[in-house]
Protein backbone atom coordinates (compact mmCIF):
# COMPACT_ATOMS: atom_id res chain seq x y z
CA ARG A 1 -3.18 -24.35 -10.66
CA TRP A 2 -2.53 -27.68 -12.34
CA GLY A 3 -1.08 -30.84 -10.82
CA ILE A 4 1.42 -32.77 -12.94
CA ALA A 5 2.56 -36.26 -11.98
CA VAL A 6 4.68 -38.77 -13.89
CA GLY A 7 5.75 -41.93 -12.14
CA ASP A 8 6.99 -45.45 -12.53
CA VAL A 9 6.44 -48.46 -10.30
CA SER A 10 8.49 -51.58 -9.76
CA GLY A 11 7.28 -54.80 -11.32
CA LYS A 12 5.13 -55.66 -14.28
CA GLY A 13 1.65 -56.91 -15.06
CA MET A 14 -1.34 -56.75 -12.77
CA PRO A 15 0.60 -56.14 -9.52
CA ALA A 16 2.31 -53.11 -11.07
CA ALA A 17 -0.98 -51.84 -12.48
CA LEU A 18 -2.58 -52.08 -9.04
CA LEU A 19 0.38 -50.30 -7.47
CA MET A 20 0.10 -47.50 -10.04
CA ALA A 21 -3.62 -47.17 -9.28
CA SER A 22 -2.77 -46.97 -5.58
CA LEU A 23 -0.13 -44.32 -6.30
CA LEU A 24 -2.61 -42.26 -8.30
CA ALA A 25 -5.27 -42.39 -5.58
CA THR A 26 -2.71 -41.63 -2.86
CA VAL A 27 -1.24 -38.61 -4.62
CA ARG A 28 -4.68 -37.24 -5.49
CA GLY A 29 -5.80 -37.56 -1.88
CA CYS A 30 -2.61 -36.09 -0.44
CA ALA A 31 -2.66 -33.19 -2.92
CA ARG A 32 -6.08 -32.14 -1.65
CA ILE A 33 -4.97 -31.81 1.95
CA ALA A 34 -1.23 -31.08 1.84
CA SER A 35 -0.04 -27.52 2.35
CA SER A 36 2.83 -27.89 -0.14
CA VAL A 37 4.22 -30.16 -2.85
CA SER A 38 6.87 -31.55 -0.48
CA ASP A 39 4.25 -32.19 2.23
CA CYS A 40 2.20 -34.09 -0.34
CA MET A 41 5.21 -36.23 -1.21
CA ASP A 42 6.00 -36.84 2.49
CA ALA A 43 2.43 -37.98 3.17
CA ALA A 44 2.26 -40.14 0.03
CA ASN A 45 5.55 -41.80 0.96
CA ARG A 46 4.34 -42.66 4.47
CA LEU A 47 1.05 -44.09 3.18
CA LEU A 48 2.68 -46.11 0.41
CA TYR A 49 5.40 -47.41 2.73
CA ALA A 50 2.73 -48.65 5.16
CA SER A 51 0.69 -50.37 2.44
CA THR A 52 3.31 -52.02 0.21
CA ASP A 53 5.84 -54.80 0.63
CA ALA A 54 9.55 -54.20 1.09
CA LYS A 55 10.42 -55.10 -2.52
CA THR A 56 8.16 -52.37 -3.88
CA PHE A 57 9.35 -48.95 -4.92
CA ILE A 58 8.02 -46.03 -6.89
CA THR A 59 9.60 -43.09 -8.66
CA LEU A 60 7.52 -39.96 -9.01
CA PHE A 61 7.90 -36.46 -10.37
CA TYR A 62 5.11 -34.30 -8.96
CA GLY A 63 4.62 -30.62 -9.57
CA VAL A 64 2.02 -27.89 -9.39
CA TYR A 65 1.92 -25.35 -12.20
CA ASP A 66 0.55 -21.92 -11.28
CA SER A 67 -0.62 -20.35 -14.54
CA ARG A 68 -1.05 -16.87 -13.03
CA ALA A 69 2.45 -16.72 -11.57
CA ARG A 70 3.90 -18.88 -14.39
CA THR A 71 5.77 -21.01 -11.87
CA LEU A 72 6.21 -24.71 -11.29
CA THR A 73 6.71 -26.01 -7.77
CA TYR A 74 7.97 -29.58 -7.95
CA CYS A 75 9.44 -32.47 -6.02
CA ASN A 76 11.29 -35.34 -7.65
CA ALA A 77 11.20 -38.63 -5.75
CA GLY A 78 13.88 -40.64 -7.54
CA HIS A 79 12.34 -40.22 -10.99
CA ASN A 80 14.31 -39.53 -14.17
CA PRO A 81 14.97 -35.79 -13.85
CA PRO A 82 12.86 -33.86 -16.36
CA TYR A 83 14.58 -31.37 -18.61
CA LEU A 84 13.71 -27.68 -18.51
CA CYS A 85 14.86 -26.26 -21.84
CA HIS A 86 15.20 -22.50 -21.95
CA ALA A 87 14.49 -20.50 -25.10
CA ASN A 88 18.19 -19.59 -25.38
CA GLY A 89 19.13 -23.29 -25.73
CA GLU A 90 20.37 -23.83 -22.19
CA ARG A 91 18.80 -26.64 -20.21
CA ARG A 92 18.80 -27.99 -16.70
CA THR A 93 17.40 -31.02 -14.96
CA LEU A 94 14.76 -30.87 -12.25
CA ASP A 95 16.16 -33.12 -9.55
CA VAL A 96 15.28 -31.45 -6.25
CA GLY A 97 13.26 -33.76 -4.02
CA GLY A 98 14.38 -36.96 -2.41
CA THR A 99 14.55 -40.70 -2.72
CA ILE A 100 12.09 -43.17 -4.24
CA LEU A 101 8.70 -43.59 -2.59
CA ALA A 102 7.69 -46.54 -0.38
CA ALA A 103 11.27 -47.58 0.43
CA PHE A 104 11.64 -45.74 3.74
CA GLY A 105 8.92 -44.91 6.25
CA LYS A 106 10.20 -41.40 6.85
CA TRP A 107 11.93 -39.13 4.39
CA ASP A 108 12.04 -35.36 4.25
CA TYR A 109 11.33 -34.34 0.68
CA GLU A 110 12.37 -30.95 -0.65
CA GLU A 111 10.68 -28.83 -3.29
CA GLU A 112 11.76 -26.10 -5.66
CA THR A 113 9.75 -23.35 -7.32
CA ILE A 114 10.97 -22.26 -10.73
CA PRO A 115 9.67 -19.66 -13.18
CA LEU A 116 8.49 -20.90 -16.56
CA ALA A 117 8.89 -18.36 -19.32
CA GLU A 118 7.33 -18.28 -22.75
CA GLY A 119 9.33 -20.35 -25.21
CA GLU A 120 10.57 -22.85 -22.63
CA MET A 121 9.95 -26.56 -22.85
CA LEU A 122 9.54 -29.00 -19.97
CA LEU A 123 10.23 -32.61 -20.96
CA ILE A 124 9.07 -35.19 -18.40
CA TYR A 125 9.73 -38.82 -19.31
CA THR A 126 10.20 -42.29 -17.83
CA ASP A 127 12.98 -44.81 -18.24
CA GLY A 128 10.79 -46.42 -20.89
CA VAL A 129 12.26 -43.79 -23.22
CA THR A 130 15.93 -44.14 -22.31
CA GLU A 131 15.73 -47.94 -22.07
CA ALA A 132 13.87 -48.41 -25.36
CA MET A 133 15.80 -50.71 -27.68
CA ASP A 134 16.22 -50.65 -31.41
CA PRO A 135 16.00 -53.89 -33.45
CA SER A 136 19.69 -54.61 -32.77
CA GLY A 137 19.12 -54.42 -28.99
CA GLU A 138 20.83 -51.07 -28.46
CA GLN A 139 19.23 -48.78 -25.85
CA TYR A 140 18.17 -45.24 -26.66
CA VAL A 141 20.05 -43.78 -23.60
CA GLU A 142 19.99 -40.24 -22.23
CA GLU A 143 22.66 -38.90 -24.58
CA ARG A 144 20.36 -39.60 -27.52
CA LEU A 145 17.46 -37.99 -25.70
CA GLU A 146 19.57 -34.86 -25.17
CA LYS A 147 20.45 -34.78 -28.88
CA ALA A 148 16.75 -35.11 -29.75
CA ILE A 149 16.00 -32.19 -27.41
CA GLU A 150 18.53 -30.06 -29.29
CA ARG A 151 16.99 -30.97 -32.66
CA CYS A 152 13.40 -30.49 -31.52
CA ARG A 153 13.53 -27.50 -29.19
CA ALA A 154 12.40 -25.06 -31.88
CA LEU A 155 9.33 -27.12 -32.80
CA LYS A 156 5.81 -26.12 -31.90
CA PRO A 157 4.34 -28.09 -28.97
CA LYS A 158 1.94 -30.04 -31.22
CA ASP A 159 4.90 -31.39 -33.22
CA LEU A 160 7.15 -32.29 -30.30
CA PHE A 161 5.52 -35.57 -29.31
CA SER A 162 5.61 -37.08 -32.78
CA GLU A 163 9.24 -36.05 -33.25
CA PHE A 164 10.34 -37.54 -29.92
CA HIS A 165 8.27 -40.65 -30.56
CA HIS A 166 9.92 -41.08 -33.97
CA ALA A 167 13.39 -40.44 -32.52
CA VAL A 168 12.96 -43.10 -29.83
CA LEU A 169 11.44 -45.70 -32.14
CA SER A 170 14.04 -45.27 -34.84
CA ASN A 171 16.97 -44.37 -32.54
CA HIS A 172 17.31 -41.43 -34.92
CA GLY A 173 20.09 -39.01 -34.12
CA GLN A 174 22.62 -41.46 -32.74
């Protein structure tokens, strides 16, 4: 089993870096003792709420991949919903979960377990992708990301990152 976490914290600079370090330590600790992905998110939310100020918030996609069962159990706490792209070209977003972390002291997070088949792609990203700007100040936006997914879905995994990176930097595929 593998833990997968992608998050984003409010703010910039050293305070945001410290908050991200706190998030990492909190999720690692909760993952060791929680009985489920949603329980981990519940516990992390309570701990972060108690230790951060009211202006602080965190988005987090957290999942556990079971390589034997080929399943992903995940919870999305207000993060950009990842895309699960099926081999047949269909895609869906992974948005089951709950609200952002650290904003409310108590929140009941939900989880979903999904099968992952050979030939499928899971794209987890932050708003740094969809808010990236080209030299003219135009944002990349989700529609462009979805077009890039269509163009790149047949690529081998080792080629995907460089293609997405190029697409975002150049705003290719408008």
